[in-house]
Protein backbone atom coordinates (compact mmCIF):
# COMPACT_ATOMS: atom_id res chain seq x y z
CA MET A 1 17.31 3.01 -10.79
CA ARG A 2 15.99 0.57 -8.20
CA ARG A 3 14.40 1.84 -5.01
CA ARG A 4 13.27 0.36 -1.72
CA ALA A 5 9.67 0.94 -0.65
CA ALA A 6 7.82 0.34 2.62
CA ARG A 7 4.10 -0.31 2.27
CA VAL A 8 1.37 -0.70 4.90
CA ILE A 9 -1.52 -3.14 5.20
CA LEU A 10 -3.63 -0.90 7.45
CA LEU A 11 -6.58 -2.58 9.14
CA ASP A 12 -9.32 -0.95 11.18
CA PRO A 13 -11.16 -2.59 14.13
CA SER A 14 -13.54 -4.27 11.64
CA ASP A 15 -10.61 -5.73 9.65
CA ARG A 16 -11.24 -3.41 6.72
CA ILE A 17 -8.13 -2.46 4.73
CA LEU A 18 -7.38 1.11 3.62
CA LEU A 19 -6.45 1.55 -0.03
CA LEU A 20 -5.67 4.62 -2.09
CA HIS A 21 -7.14 5.12 -5.57
CA GLY A 22 -4.54 6.16 -8.10
CA TYR A 23 -4.36 6.95 -11.78
CA GLU A 24 -1.82 7.67 -14.47
CA PRO A 25 -1.35 11.48 -14.55
CA ASP A 26 -1.17 11.51 -18.37
CA ASP A 27 -4.22 9.23 -18.75
CA PRO A 28 -6.71 9.42 -15.85
CA SER A 29 -8.71 6.54 -17.37
CA VAL A 30 -5.95 4.14 -16.22
CA THR A 31 -6.74 3.54 -12.53
CA TRP A 32 -5.87 1.16 -9.72
CA TRP A 33 -6.05 0.72 -5.95
CA PHE A 34 -2.94 0.37 -3.82
CA THR A 35 -1.72 0.29 -0.24
CA PRO A 36 -0.27 3.32 1.54
CA GLY A 37 3.50 3.52 1.41
CA GLY A 38 6.39 4.59 -0.73
CA GLY A 39 10.07 5.11 -1.13
CA VAL A 40 12.55 4.77 1.71
CA GLU A 41 14.62 7.93 2.11
CA GLU A 42 18.40 7.98 2.55
CA GLY A 43 19.36 6.73 6.02
CA GLU A 44 15.77 5.77 6.88
CA SER A 45 14.80 2.32 8.15
CA LEU A 46 11.93 0.42 6.56
CA ASP A 47 9.67 0.74 9.63
CA VAL A 48 10.31 4.48 9.94
CA ALA A 49 9.55 4.90 6.23
CA ALA A 50 6.31 2.91 6.63
CA ARG A 51 5.14 5.17 9.49
CA ARG A 52 6.15 8.36 7.65
CA GLU A 53 4.45 7.33 4.41
CA LEU A 54 1.31 6.29 6.25
CA ALA A 55 1.13 9.66 8.01
CA GLU A 56 1.80 11.62 4.80
CA GLU A 57 -0.72 9.75 2.66
CA THR A 58 -3.54 9.17 5.16
CA GLY A 59 -2.97 11.54 8.08
CA ILE A 60 -3.05 8.54 10.44
CA THR A 61 -0.25 8.74 13.01
CA THR A 62 -1.57 6.45 15.75
CA ALA A 63 -1.41 3.12 13.90
CA LEU A 64 0.39 0.28 15.63
CA LEU A 65 2.97 -1.10 13.21
CA GLY A 66 3.37 -4.86 13.28
CA PRO A 67 5.55 -7.33 11.41
CA VAL A 68 6.52 -7.46 7.75
CA LEU A 69 3.97 -9.75 6.08
CA TRP A 70 5.13 -9.90 2.49
CA GLU A 71 8.00 -8.89 0.23
CA ARG A 72 7.88 -8.39 -3.52
CA SER A 73 9.77 -6.85 -6.39
CA CYS A 74 7.95 -4.93 -9.08
CA ALA A 75 8.54 -2.89 -12.19
CA PHE A 76 6.02 -0.57 -13.81
CA ASP A 77 5.68 2.52 -15.98
CA PHE A 78 4.23 5.58 -14.26
CA ASP A 79 4.34 9.32 -14.94
CA GLY A 80 6.58 8.92 -17.97
CA ARG A 81 9.28 6.78 -16.38
CA ARG A 82 10.10 3.19 -15.50
CA TRP A 83 10.00 2.35 -11.79
CA GLU A 84 11.71 -0.70 -10.33
CA GLN A 85 11.40 -1.35 -6.63
CA ASP A 86 11.63 -3.86 -3.83
CA GLU A 87 8.69 -3.60 -1.42
CA TRP A 88 8.12 -4.69 2.16
CA TYR A 89 4.50 -4.82 3.40
CA TYR A 90 3.96 -4.12 7.10
CA LEU A 91 0.84 -5.01 9.03
CA ALA A 92 -0.62 -2.07 10.96
CA ARG A 93 -3.79 -1.57 12.95
CA THR A 94 -5.64 1.60 13.86
CA ASP A 95 -8.77 2.68 15.67
CA ASP A 96 -8.69 5.99 13.76
CA VAL A 97 -10.61 5.60 10.49
CA ARG A 98 -10.67 9.31 9.63
CA VAL A 99 -8.25 10.02 6.81
CA HIS A 100 -6.92 13.16 5.21
CA THR A 101 -4.46 13.57 2.39
CA GLY A 102 -2.87 16.90 3.27
CA GLY A 103 0.62 15.40 3.25
CA LEU A 104 0.61 14.11 -0.32
CA THR A 105 3.61 14.93 -2.48
CA GLU A 106 3.16 16.92 -5.68
CA LEU A 107 3.22 13.71 -7.75
CA GLU A 108 0.70 12.05 -5.42
CA GLN A 109 -1.57 15.10 -5.70
CA ARG A 110 -1.52 14.59 -9.49
CA SER A 111 -2.20 10.85 -9.29
CA VAL A 112 -4.33 10.03 -6.20
CA ASP A 113 -8.02 10.88 -6.10
CA GLY A 114 -9.25 9.17 -2.97
CA LEU A 115 -9.02 6.57 -0.24
CA ARG A 116 -11.43 3.84 0.76
CA TRP A 117 -11.80 1.25 3.50
CA TRP A 118 -12.51 -2.17 1.92
CA THR A 119 -13.79 -5.38 3.49
CA CYS A 120 -12.05 -8.54 2.37
CA GLU A 121 -15.28 -9.67 0.71
CA GLU A 122 -15.49 -6.43 -1.30
CA LEU A 123 -11.91 -6.90 -2.49
CA LEU A 124 -12.51 -10.53 -3.42
CA ALA A 125 -15.60 -9.53 -5.45
CA SER A 126 -14.00 -6.50 -7.13
CA HIS A 127 -12.95 -6.46 -10.76
CA GLU A 128 -10.85 -3.32 -10.32
CA THR A 129 -7.06 -3.37 -10.57
CA VAL A 130 -5.44 -3.71 -7.13
CA TYR A 131 -1.75 -3.90 -6.24
CA PRO A 132 -0.25 -6.20 -5.26
CA THR A 133 -2.35 -8.25 -7.67
CA ARG A 134 -3.07 -11.03 -5.16
CA LEU A 135 -4.01 -8.65 -2.34
CA ALA A 136 -7.55 -9.99 -1.85
CA GLU A 137 -6.40 -13.60 -1.35
CA LEU A 138 -3.43 -12.50 0.76
CA LEU A 139 -5.73 -10.47 3.00
CA ARG A 140 -8.15 -13.40 3.34
CA ARG A 141 -5.27 -15.64 4.41
CA LEU A 142 -3.98 -13.01 6.83
CA LEU A 143 -7.40 -12.61 8.46
CA ASP A 144 -7.95 -16.39 8.64
CA GLU A 145 -4.49 -17.46 9.78
CA GLY A 146 -2.85 -14.37 11.27
CA PRO A 147 0.55 -12.97 10.29
CA PRO A 148 3.10 -15.42 8.87
CA LEU A 149 6.06 -16.42 11.07
CA SER A 150 8.40 -14.85 8.51
CA PRO A 151 7.69 -12.61 5.51
CA ILE A 152 6.24 -14.37 2.45
CA HIS A 153 8.05 -13.60 -0.80
CA LEU A 154 5.44 -12.76 -3.45
CA GLY A 155 7.85 -12.88 -6.36
CA THR A 156 8.18 -10.25 -9.07
CA GLU A 157 5.36 -8.37 -10.79
CA ARG A 158 6.03 -6.49 -14.00
CA ASP A 159 3.64 -4.31 -15.94
């Protein structure tokens, strides 16, 4: 089954991006970093889903949601099933850098073990797995050029 997902590129006043650290519940040695966000619920708009997911996963409710930056399709195996989704990445900014994960779902509680604010330089230098896979270069372009006039299609990523 295909799902729609709203994701958030959350930047603080220093242009650091917030990423969550996740892992495969059945094999905690398989880890990656990813942006806040998740599935769009029935009858929910993409922007409402982005705000809800951001609040649930980070506790941040005061972020200013901006435009959609990027779109992508992806398919991956996680928690014993195949996920296929279309994702929209919103730009958001916040002055509140304090995070808490009290709103995580049961699955997220079994597969997320932290959050971290990253500078673009740290992301560019990292050898860790980050999704979307081109996030470091996309962030560099965003910080250098500002948001695109219309969303950039990133193509399809399959694991």
